[in-house]
């Protein structure tokens, strides 16, 4: 699970990098258009529409920055899943990816194939982190195995 989770979370990180850049660029464009409508609107209602567009653009830019930061965390998570350390980083990143999918589904675009890949990647990363934690505590299967018997001592050489 660790390797599969690491590979998939890195693929999800690339998707978040591309999506984050798109949200930042698109949000800045929408926010700029909204600001121009707000500043130059002499007709009734144009200022309100411009203010709404500016707010929506600002929200998209912030979500884009969140996706970019999350992509960096996901790349780091993929590496630690390959190496087998830092289980807590993988668990936190998996939780943030689930929050990312939730925000995208409720506020912006809805559920898509990318959302499903994000959820599957987060689940596999979390399971891989569980494997890292289980390996660190001796297998995670309950009680620790009994200690091994000491090696046999060789008989002293015979005199004579």
Protein backbone atom coordinates (compact mmCIF):
# COMPACT_ATOMS: atom_id res chain seq x y z
CA UNK A 1 0.00 0.00 0.00
CA UNK A 2 2.86 2.36 0.74
CA UNK A 3 4.29 2.29 -2.77
CA UNK A 4 0.89 2.44 -4.48
CA UNK A 5 -0.13 5.30 -2.17
CA UNK A 6 3.13 7.13 -2.87
CA UNK A 7 2.76 6.84 -6.64
CA UNK A 8 -0.88 7.90 -6.63
CA UNK A 9 -0.36 10.80 -4.23
CA UNK A 10 2.40 12.16 -6.49
CA UNK A 11 0.04 11.93 -9.48
CA UNK A 12 -2.57 13.79 -7.41
CA UNK A 13 0.11 16.37 -6.53
CA UNK A 14 0.74 17.06 -10.22
CA UNK A 15 -3.01 17.46 -10.76
CA UNK A 16 -3.15 19.88 -7.83
CA UNK A 17 -0.21 21.87 -9.23
CA UNK A 18 -1.97 22.31 -12.56
CA UNK A 19 -5.32 23.00 -10.90
CA UNK A 20 -3.77 25.43 -8.43
CA UNK A 21 -2.15 27.42 -11.23
CA UNK A 22 -5.48 27.48 -13.06
CA UNK A 23 -7.37 28.68 -9.99
CA UNK A 24 -4.80 31.40 -9.28
CA UNK A 25 -4.76 32.66 -12.89
CA UNK A 26 -8.52 32.36 -13.41
CA UNK A 27 -9.33 33.89 -10.04
CA UNK A 28 -7.01 36.81 -10.68
CA UNK A 29 -8.61 37.38 -14.08
CA UNK A 30 -12.15 37.24 -12.67
CA UNK A 31 -11.18 39.44 -9.73
CA UNK A 32 -9.64 42.02 -12.08
CA UNK A 33 -12.72 42.10 -14.29
CA UNK A 34 -14.89 42.43 -11.20
CA UNK A 35 -12.76 45.30 -9.93
CA UNK A 36 -13.05 47.10 -13.25
CA UNK A 37 -16.82 46.59 -13.28
CA UNK A 38 -17.03 47.85 -9.73
CA UNK A 39 -14.96 50.94 -10.43
CA UNK A 40 -16.42 51.88 -13.80
CA UNK A 41 -20.07 50.96 -13.40
CA UNK A 42 -22.39 53.91 -13.80
CA UNK A 43 -25.47 51.82 -14.39
CA UNK A 44 -27.53 50.37 -11.60
CA UNK A 45 -26.45 46.94 -10.40
CA UNK A 46 -23.10 46.80 -12.18
CA UNK A 47 -21.19 47.75 -9.03
CA UNK A 48 -22.83 44.92 -7.09
CA UNK A 49 -22.06 42.39 -9.81
CA UNK A 50 -18.50 43.65 -9.95
CA UNK A 51 -18.12 43.29 -6.19
CA UNK A 52 -19.46 39.72 -6.35
CA UNK A 53 -17.05 38.87 -9.16
CA UNK A 54 -14.14 40.39 -7.27
CA UNK A 55 -15.02 38.34 -4.17
CA UNK A 56 -15.39 35.13 -6.19
CA UNK A 57 -12.06 35.79 -7.90
CA UNK A 58 -10.35 36.32 -4.56
CA UNK A 59 -11.79 33.06 -3.22
CA UNK A 60 -10.56 31.19 -6.29
CA UNK A 61 -7.06 32.65 -5.88
CA UNK A 62 -6.92 31.57 -2.23
CA UNK A 63 -8.11 28.07 -3.14
CA UNK A 64 -5.42 27.96 -5.84
CA UNK A 65 -2.73 28.86 -3.28
CA UNK A 66 -4.09 26.12 -1.00
CA UNK A 67 -3.84 23.61 -3.85
CA UNK A 68 -0.27 24.67 -4.61
CA UNK A 69 0.81 24.29 -0.99
CA UNK A 70 -1.00 20.96 -0.79
CA UNK A 71 0.81 19.76 -3.91
CA UNK A 72 4.16 20.43 -2.22
CA UNK A 73 3.02 18.46 0.83
CA UNK A 74 1.81 15.62 -1.37
CA UNK A 75 5.16 15.35 -3.13
CA UNK A 76 6.86 15.18 0.28
CA UNK A 77 4.31 12.57 1.36
CA UNK A 78 5.04 10.44 -1.68
CA UNK A 79 8.73 10.50 -0.83
CA UNK A 80 8.21 9.58 2.83
CA UNK A 81 5.87 6.76 1.82
CA UNK A 82 8.61 5.36 -0.41
CA UNK A 83 11.22 5.70 2.33
CA UNK A 84 8.94 4.49 5.12
CA UNK A 85 9.22 7.37 7.59
CA UNK A 86 7.10 10.31 8.81
CA UNK A 87 3.74 8.58 9.07
CA UNK A 88 2.13 11.65 10.67
CA UNK A 89 2.98 13.83 7.63
CA UNK A 90 1.27 11.31 5.37
CA UNK A 91 -1.82 11.20 7.60
CA UNK A 92 -2.11 15.01 7.78
CA UNK A 93 -1.65 15.35 4.03
CA UNK A 94 -4.29 12.69 3.39
CA UNK A 95 -6.71 14.63 5.59
CA UNK A 96 -5.93 17.87 3.78
CA UNK A 97 -6.52 16.20 0.42
CA UNK A 98 -9.94 15.06 1.58
CA UNK A 99 -10.69 18.65 2.67
CA UNK A 100 -9.44 19.84 -0.74
CA UNK A 101 -11.84 17.51 -2.56
CA UNK A 102 -14.67 18.61 -0.27
CA UNK A 103 -14.05 22.31 -0.93
CA UNK A 104 -13.80 21.73 -4.67
CA UNK A 105 -16.99 19.68 -4.71
CA UNK A 106 -19.11 22.05 -2.64
CA UNK A 107 -17.83 25.48 -3.63
CA UNK A 108 -16.32 25.32 -7.09
CA UNK A 109 -16.74 22.61 -9.73
CA UNK A 110 -18.49 19.64 -8.14
CA UNK A 111 -17.36 16.02 -8.21
CA UNK A 112 -15.21 14.84 -11.11
CA UNK A 113 -12.76 12.11 -12.02
CA UNK A 114 -10.01 14.18 -10.41
CA UNK A 115 -11.97 14.23 -7.16
CA UNK A 116 -12.16 10.44 -7.21
CA UNK A 117 -8.41 10.14 -7.84
CA UNK A 118 -7.76 12.58 -4.99
CA UNK A 119 -9.90 10.55 -2.60
CA UNK A 120 -8.33 7.25 -3.63
CA UNK A 121 -4.84 8.75 -3.32
CA UNK A 122 -5.65 10.11 0.14
CA UNK A 123 -7.01 6.77 1.30
CA UNK A 124 -3.98 4.86 -0.01
CA UNK A 125 -1.60 7.40 1.56
CA UNK A 126 -3.38 7.04 4.89
CA UNK A 127 -3.21 3.24 4.68
CA UNK A 128 0.48 3.47 3.79
CA UNK A 129 1.04 5.68 6.83
CA UNK A 130 -0.74 3.08 8.94
CA UNK A 131 1.70 0.47 7.61
CA UNK A 132 4.64 2.69 8.54
CA UNK A 133 3.24 3.10 12.06
CA UNK A 134 2.59 -0.64 12.38
CA UNK A 135 6.13 -1.47 11.30
CA UNK A 136 7.56 0.99 13.81
CA UNK A 137 5.66 -0.60 16.70
CA UNK A 138 6.55 -4.19 15.90
CA UNK A 139 3.89 -5.18 13.42
CA UNK A 140 0.79 -3.72 15.03
CA UNK A 141 -0.71 -7.16 15.56
CA UNK A 142 -1.12 -6.97 19.33
CA UNK A 143 1.57 -8.23 21.66
CA UNK A 144 5.19 -8.09 20.65
CA UNK A 145 6.76 -11.39 19.63
CA UNK A 146 8.74 -13.20 22.32
CA UNK A 147 12.48 -12.56 22.38
CA UNK A 148 14.64 -14.96 20.43
CA UNK A 149 16.57 -17.63 22.27
CA UNK A 150 20.24 -16.78 22.82
CA UNK A 151 22.64 -18.56 20.50
CA UNK A 152 24.04 -21.82 21.85
CA UNK A 153 27.37 -21.59 23.59
CA UNK A 154 30.09 -23.81 22.16
CA UNK A 155 31.49 -26.47 24.45
CA UNK A 156 34.97 -25.75 25.74
CA UNK A 157 37.71 -27.61 23.88
CA UNK A 158 38.68 -30.93 25.41
CA UNK A 159 42.09 -31.12 27.01
CA UNK A 160 44.34 -33.82 26.34
